[in-house]
Amino acid sequence: MKEISTGPSESQLIRLAADGDARAIRQLYDRYSPRVYAVVRRIAGDDDLAQDYAQEAWIRAIRALPTFRGDARFSTWLHRIAVNAALQALRKSETRKKREGPVPEQVPVAPRGGDALLQQRLERALDELPYGMRRVLILHDVEGYTHEEIGDTLGVTSGTSKSQLFKARAKMRDMLTALDGAAQESGAEAWSI
């Protein structure tokens, strides 16, 4: 009977990747790239930017692999690098532009099950939030950061983070209510024709 090889463990993969083993790097990438992309996509609010931010996050992570001590789970360590890379890229972009760019009218996102229409409305409303509110809402409500961690990451006080979160949630409620009203009106018009 032939024994099935399960391959190297995650810690072995990390050591091999830190030593420059291309196969190990690829295996880590294949395993974690969807998570990295998902977190930077929520911060970027745009597919093209998210691809750039994810690439930057991977470059930083691969360069920093030799410094990974294993104090935290690898996924946690990588998540932090991805968030920081995306936020830093956004700051650079803001510095150059000195204003917020136009928001795309629609962002193609494959539904993950559940209410696809609700998910689409949430994505649209989230993308229309002002930049500062969107960052805080994502970091707190989606990623689970505390206000103190958000303050440290963004260079603001925890009070500013709380204020931005309060405003973001209120604006999201208003936008979702408006979207729901518009959807109901268009549905009624379709029935009256």
C-alpha atoms as a PDB file:
ATOM      1  CA  MET A   1       0.000   0.000   0.000  1.00  0.00           C
ATOM      2  CA  LYS A   2       1.413   3.358  -1.051  1.00  0.00           C
ATOM      3  CA  GLU A   3       1.565   6.128   1.552  1.00  0.00           C
ATOM      4  CA  ILE A   4       0.023   9.427   0.455  1.00  0.00           C
ATOM      5  CA  SER A   5       2.233  12.455   1.010  1.00  0.00           C
ATOM      6  CA  THR A   6       0.401  15.441   2.415  1.00  0.00           C
ATOM      7  CA  GLY A   7       3.233  17.817   1.596  1.00  0.00           C
ATOM      8  CA  PRO A   8       5.005  20.223   3.892  1.00  0.00           C
ATOM      9  CA  SER A   9       3.233  21.792   6.851  1.00  0.00           C
ATOM     10  CA  GLU A  10       2.471  25.506   6.851  1.00  0.00           C
ATOM     11  CA  SER A  11       5.476  26.262   9.073  1.00  0.00           C
ATOM     12  CA  GLN A  12       7.714  24.266   6.720  1.00  0.00           C
ATOM     13  CA  LEU A  13       6.257  26.137   3.729  1.00  0.00           C
ATOM     14  CA  ILE A  14       6.960  29.454   5.447  1.00  0.00           C
ATOM     15  CA  ARG A  15      10.571  28.456   6.184  1.00  0.00           C
ATOM     16  CA  LEU A  16      11.095  27.246   2.621  1.00  0.00           C
ATOM     17  CA  ALA A  17       9.499  30.405   1.188  1.00  0.00           C
ATOM     18  CA  ALA A  18      11.646  32.577   3.472  1.00  0.00           C
ATOM     19  CA  ASP A  19      14.680  30.832   1.992  1.00  0.00           C
ATOM     20  CA  GLY A  20      13.470  31.703  -1.521  1.00  0.00           C
ATOM     21  CA  ASP A  21      11.839  28.415  -2.557  1.00  0.00           C
ATOM     22  CA  ALA A  22       9.573  29.401  -5.469  1.00  0.00           C
ATOM     23  CA  ARG A  23       7.254  26.386  -5.034  1.00  0.00           C
ATOM     24  CA  ALA A  24       6.688  27.178  -1.369  1.00  0.00           C
ATOM     25  CA  ILE A  25       5.973  30.818  -2.193  1.00  0.00           C
ATOM     26  CA  ARG A  26       3.494  29.713  -4.845  1.00  0.00           C
ATOM     27  CA  GLN A  27       1.743  27.347  -2.432  1.00  0.00           C
ATOM     28  CA  LEU A  28       1.394  30.118   0.162  1.00  0.00           C
ATOM     29  CA  TYR A  29       0.127  32.450  -2.553  1.00  0.00           C
ATOM     30  CA  ASP A  30      -2.413  29.908  -3.811  1.00  0.00           C
ATOM     31  CA  ARG A  31      -3.636  29.290  -0.277  1.00  0.00           C
ATOM     32  CA  TYR A  32      -3.953  32.917   0.868  1.00  0.00           C
ATOM     33  CA  SER A  33      -4.406  35.073  -2.250  1.00  0.00           C
ATOM     34  CA  PRO A  34      -8.237  35.043  -2.109  1.00  0.00           C
ATOM     35  CA  ARG A  35      -8.150  36.374   1.464  1.00  0.00           C
ATOM     36  CA  VAL A  36      -5.578  39.042   0.654  1.00  0.00           C
ATOM     37  CA  TYR A  37      -7.551  40.179  -2.381  1.00  0.00           C
ATOM     38  CA  ALA A  38     -10.817  40.273  -0.416  1.00  0.00           C
ATOM     39  CA  VAL A  39      -9.439  42.526   2.310  1.00  0.00           C
ATOM     40  CA  VAL A  40      -7.727  44.965  -0.052  1.00  0.00           C
ATOM     41  CA  ARG A  41     -10.790  45.028  -2.340  1.00  0.00           C
ATOM     42  CA  ARG A  42     -12.979  46.195   0.523  1.00  0.00           C
ATOM     43  CA  ILE A  43     -10.513  48.961   1.326  1.00  0.00           C
ATOM     44  CA  ALA A  44      -9.860  49.970  -2.290  1.00  0.00           C
ATOM     45  CA  GLY A  45     -13.482  49.964  -3.432  1.00  0.00           C
ATOM     46  CA  ASP A  46     -12.262  49.168  -6.955  1.00  0.00           C
ATOM     47  CA  ASP A  47     -11.155  45.957  -8.672  1.00  0.00           C
ATOM     48  CA  ASP A  48      -8.151  47.436 -10.511  1.00  0.00           C
ATOM     49  CA  LEU A  49      -6.830  49.185  -7.396  1.00  0.00           C
ATOM     50  CA  ALA A  50      -7.413  46.036  -5.367  1.00  0.00           C
ATOM     51  CA  GLN A  51      -5.239  44.033  -7.774  1.00  0.00           C
ATOM     52  CA  ASP A  52      -2.460  46.612  -7.413  1.00  0.00           C
ATOM     53  CA  TYR A  53      -2.784  46.659  -3.623  1.00  0.00           C
ATOM     54  CA  ALA A  54      -2.812  42.870  -3.406  1.00  0.00           C
ATOM     55  CA  GLN A  55       0.326  42.683  -5.533  1.00  0.00           C
ATOM     56  CA  GLU A  56       2.042  45.221  -3.280  1.00  0.00           C
ATOM     57  CA  ALA A  57       0.943  43.265  -0.195  1.00  0.00           C
ATOM     58  CA  TRP A  58       2.450  40.058  -1.587  1.00  0.00           C
ATOM     59  CA  ILE A  59       5.710  41.774  -2.472  1.00  0.00           C
ATOM     60  CA  ARG A  60       5.958  43.109   1.083  1.00  0.00           C
ATOM     61  CA  ALA A  61       5.014  39.778   2.624  1.00  0.00           C
ATOM     62  CA  ILE A  62       7.550  37.800   0.599  1.00  0.00           C
ATOM     63  CA  ARG A  63      10.290  40.297   1.463  1.00  0.00           C
ATOM     64  CA  ALA A  64       9.316  40.156   5.135  1.00  0.00           C
ATOM     65  CA  LEU A  65       9.027  36.348   5.356  1.00  0.00           C
ATOM     66  CA  PRO A  66      12.480  35.978   6.959  1.00  0.00           C
ATOM     67  CA  THR A  67      11.267  38.204   9.819  1.00  0.00           C
ATOM     68  CA  PHE A  68       8.112  36.151  10.491  1.00  0.00           C
ATOM     69  CA  ARG A  69       8.605  34.740  13.993  1.00  0.00           C
ATOM     70  CA  GLY A  70       5.376  32.800  14.317  1.00  0.00           C
ATOM     71  CA  ASP A  71       4.096  34.797  17.312  1.00  0.00           C
ATOM     72  CA  ALA A  72       0.781  35.146  15.483  1.00  0.00           C
ATOM     73  CA  ARG A  73      -0.839  32.903  12.905  1.00  0.00           C
ATOM     74  CA  PHE A  74       0.562  33.401   9.424  1.00  0.00           C
ATOM     75  CA  SER A  75      -2.873  34.402   8.109  1.00  0.00           C
ATOM     76  CA  THR A  76      -3.121  37.140  10.772  1.00  0.00           C
ATOM     77  CA  TRP A  77       0.367  38.408   9.963  1.00  0.00           C
ATOM     78  CA  LEU A  78      -0.397  38.428   6.229  1.00  0.00           C
ATOM     79  CA  HIS A  79      -3.769  40.121   6.812  1.00  0.00           C
ATOM     80  CA  ARG A  80      -2.064  42.974   8.675  1.00  0.00           C
ATOM     81  CA  ILE A  81       0.464  43.431   5.864  1.00  0.00           C
ATOM     82  CA  ALA A  82      -2.362  43.535   3.295  1.00  0.00           C
ATOM     83  CA  VAL A  83      -4.374  46.118   5.256  1.00  0.00           C
ATOM     84  CA  ASN A  84      -1.304  48.305   5.812  1.00  0.00           C
ATOM     85  CA  ALA A  85      -0.249  48.066   2.147  1.00  0.00           C
ATOM     86  CA  ALA A  86      -3.732  49.061   0.964  1.00  0.00           C
ATOM     87  CA  LEU A  87      -4.033  51.948   3.425  1.00  0.00           C
ATOM     88  CA  GLN A  88      -0.575  53.249   2.573  1.00  0.00           C
ATOM     89  CA  ALA A  89      -1.327  53.094  -1.146  1.00  0.00           C
ATOM     90  CA  LEU A  90      -4.578  54.988  -0.583  1.00  0.00           C
ATOM     91  CA  ARG A  91      -2.749  57.673   1.390  1.00  0.00           C
ATOM     92  CA  LYS A  92      -0.206  58.070  -1.420  1.00  0.00           C
ATOM     93  CA  SER A  93      -3.014  58.321  -3.940  1.00  0.00           C
ATOM     94  CA  GLU A  94      -4.805  60.943  -1.852  1.00  0.00           C
ATOM     95  CA  THR A  95      -1.661  62.987  -1.508  1.00  0.00           C
ATOM     96  CA  ARG A  96      -1.276  63.049  -5.278  1.00  0.00           C
ATOM     97  CA  LYS A  97      -4.879  63.770  -6.112  1.00  0.00           C
ATOM     98  CA  LYS A  98      -5.851  65.925  -3.111  1.00  0.00           C
ATOM     99  CA  ARG A  99      -9.427  64.950  -3.839  1.00  0.00           C
ATOM    100  CA  GLU A 100     -11.563  61.854  -4.051  1.00  0.00           C
ATOM    101  CA  GLY A 101     -11.877  60.304  -7.495  1.00  0.00           C
ATOM    102  CA  PRO A 102     -15.115  59.263  -9.154  1.00  0.00           C
ATOM    103  CA  VAL A 103     -16.815  56.140  -7.884  1.00  0.00           C
ATOM    104  CA  PRO A 104     -17.568  53.471 -10.489  1.00  0.00           C
ATOM    105  CA  GLU A 105     -21.264  53.087 -11.221  1.00  0.00           C
ATOM    106  CA  GLN A 106     -21.166  49.322 -10.862  1.00  0.00           C
ATOM    107  CA  VAL A 107     -18.587  46.976  -9.442  1.00  0.00           C
ATOM    108  CA  PRO A 108     -18.880  43.389 -10.676  1.00  0.00           C
ATOM    109  CA  VAL A 109     -18.860  41.082  -7.675  1.00  0.00           C
ATOM    110  CA  ALA A 110     -19.852  37.447  -7.832  1.00  0.00           C
ATOM    111  CA  PRO A 111     -22.574  36.704  -5.277  1.00  0.00           C
ATOM    112  CA  ARG A 112     -21.541  34.337  -2.501  1.00  0.00           C
ATOM    113  CA  GLY A 113     -25.026  33.029  -1.913  1.00  0.00           C
ATOM    114  CA  GLY A 114     -27.770  34.601   0.111  1.00  0.00           C
ATOM    115  CA  ASP A 115     -29.646  37.620  -1.185  1.00  0.00           C
ATOM    116  CA  ALA A 116     -27.680  38.740  -4.257  1.00  0.00           C
ATOM    117  CA  LEU A 117     -29.758  41.921  -4.606  1.00  0.00           C
ATOM    118  CA  LEU A 118     -29.080  42.920  -1.002  1.00  0.00           C
ATOM    119  CA  GLN A 119     -25.386  42.227  -1.455  1.00  0.00           C
ATOM    120  CA  GLN A 120     -25.335  44.370  -4.605  1.00  0.00           C
ATOM    121  CA  ARG A 121     -27.063  47.223  -2.760  1.00  0.00           C
ATOM    122  CA  LEU A 122     -24.613  46.976   0.126  1.00  0.00           C
ATOM    123  CA  GLU A 123     -21.611  46.998  -2.242  1.00  0.00           C
ATOM    124  CA  ARG A 124     -22.982  50.010  -4.129  1.00  0.00           C
ATOM    125  CA  ALA A 125     -23.702  51.947  -0.928  1.00  0.00           C
ATOM    126  CA  LEU A 126     -20.280  51.070   0.501  1.00  0.00           C
ATOM    127  CA  ASP A 127     -18.532  52.250  -2.663  1.00  0.00           C
ATOM    128  CA  GLU A 128     -20.420  55.563  -2.491  1.00  0.00           C
ATOM    129  CA  LEU A 129     -19.332  56.307   1.074  1.00  0.00           C
ATOM    130  CA  PRO A 130     -16.710  59.038   1.430  1.00  0.00           C
ATOM    131  CA  TYR A 131     -13.202  57.627   1.716  1.00  0.00           C
ATOM    132  CA  GLY A 132     -12.661  58.250   5.450  1.00  0.00           C
ATOM    133  CA  MET A 133     -15.995  56.792   6.460  1.00  0.00           C
ATOM    134  CA  ARG A 134     -15.516  53.744   4.214  1.00  0.00           C
ATOM    135  CA  ARG A 135     -12.084  52.971   5.715  1.00  0.00           C
ATOM    136  CA  VAL A 136     -13.333  53.097   9.305  1.00  0.00           C
ATOM    137  CA  LEU A 137     -16.520  51.132   8.546  1.00  0.00           C
ATOM    138  CA  ILE A 138     -14.574  48.371   6.810  1.00  0.00           C
ATOM    139  CA  LEU A 139     -11.852  48.160   9.423  1.00  0.00           C
ATOM    140  CA  HIS A 140     -14.345  48.107  12.325  1.00  0.00           C
ATOM    141  CA  ASP A 141     -17.455  46.310  11.080  1.00  0.00           C
ATOM    142  CA  VAL A 142     -15.941  44.004   8.454  1.00  0.00           C
ATOM    143  CA  GLU A 143     -12.398  43.366   9.667  1.00  0.00           C
ATOM    144  CA  GLY A 144     -13.126  43.564  13.408  1.00  0.00           C
ATOM    145  CA  TYR A 145     -10.530  46.155  14.409  1.00  0.00           C
ATOM    146  CA  THR A 146     -11.067  48.090  17.646  1.00  0.00           C
ATOM    147  CA  HIS A 147     -11.262  51.880  17.579  1.00  0.00           C
ATOM    148  CA  GLU A 148      -7.823  52.025  19.204  1.00  0.00           C
ATOM    149  CA  GLU A 149      -6.340  49.787  16.483  1.00  0.00           C
ATOM    150  CA  ILE A 150      -8.025  51.867  13.791  1.00  0.00           C
ATOM    151  CA  GLY A 151      -6.655  55.025  15.367  1.00  0.00           C
ATOM    152  CA  ASP A 152      -3.134  53.580  15.405  1.00  0.00           C
ATOM    153  CA  THR A 153      -3.411  52.339  11.820  1.00  0.00           C
ATOM    154  CA  LEU A 154      -4.876  55.543  10.380  1.00  0.00           C
ATOM    155  CA  GLY A 155      -3.107  58.027  12.635  1.00  0.00           C
ATOM    156  CA  VAL A 156      -6.302  59.407  14.215  1.00  0.00           C
ATOM    157  CA  THR A 157      -7.780  59.334  17.703  1.00  0.00           C
ATOM    158  CA  SER A 158     -10.172  56.582  18.726  1.00  0.00           C
ATOM    159  CA  GLY A 159     -12.812  59.317  19.131  1.00  0.00           C
ATOM    160  CA  THR A 160     -12.392  60.280  15.477  1.00  0.00           C
ATOM    161  CA  SER A 161     -12.737  56.620  14.537  1.00  0.00           C
ATOM    162  CA  LYS A 162     -15.969  56.332  16.557  1.00  0.00           C
ATOM    163  CA  SER A 163     -17.346  59.510  15.001  1.00  0.00           C
ATOM    164  CA  GLN A 164     -16.521  58.353  11.460  1.00  0.00           C
ATOM    165  CA  LEU A 165     -18.123  54.968  12.153  1.00  0.00           C
ATOM    166  CA  PHE A 166     -21.303  56.602  13.469  1.00  0.00           C
ATOM    167  CA  LYS A 167     -21.511  58.861  10.397  1.00  0.00           C
ATOM    168  CA  ALA A 168     -20.728  55.973   8.022  1.00  0.00           C
ATOM    169  CA  ARG A 169     -23.466  53.775   9.465  1.00  0.00           C
ATOM    170  CA  ALA A 170     -26.008  56.615   9.287  1.00  0.00           C
ATOM    171  CA  LYS A 171     -25.048  57.388   5.682  1.00  0.00           C
ATOM    172  CA  MET A 172     -25.251  53.684   4.758  1.00  0.00           C
ATOM    173  CA  ARG A 173     -28.759  53.488   6.286  1.00  0.00           C
ATOM    174  CA  ASP A 174     -29.840  56.568   4.294  1.00  0.00           C
ATOM    175  CA  MET A 175     -28.374  55.244   1.033  1.00  0.00           C
ATOM    176  CA  LEU A 176     -29.873  51.775   1.500  1.00  0.00           C
ATOM    177  CA  THR A 177     -33.273  53.281   2.297  1.00  0.00           C
ATOM    178  CA  ALA A 178     -33.052  55.402  -0.876  1.00  0.00           C
ATOM    179  CA  LEU A 179     -31.967  52.384  -2.948  1.00  0.00           C
ATOM    180  CA  ASP A 180     -34.807  50.295  -1.500  1.00  0.00           C
ATOM    181  CA  GLY A 181     -37.322  53.050  -2.301  1.00  0.00           C
ATOM    182  CA  ALA A 182     -36.037  53.347  -5.868  1.00  0.00           C
ATOM    183  CA  ALA A 183     -36.227  49.563  -6.325  1.00  0.00           C
ATOM    184  CA  GLN A 184     -39.809  49.478  -5.060  1.00  0.00           C
ATOM    185  CA  GLU A 185     -40.816  52.360  -7.381  1.00  0.00           C
ATOM    186  CA  SER A 186     -39.286  50.678 -10.435  1.00  0.00           C
ATOM    187  CA  GLY A 187     -40.995  47.404  -9.501  1.00  0.00           C
ATOM    188  CA  ALA A 188     -44.374  49.176  -9.195  1.00  0.00           C
ATOM    189  CA  GLU A 189     -43.853  50.882 -12.565  1.00  0.00           C
ATOM    190  CA  ALA A 190     -43.110  47.540 -14.188  1.00  0.00           C
ATOM    191  CA  TRP A 191     -46.398  46.112 -12.841  1.00  0.00           C
ATOM    192  CA  SER A 192     -48.464  49.121 -13.948  1.00  0.00           C
ATOM    193  CA  ILE A 193     -47.355  48.883 -17.595  1.00  0.00           C
END
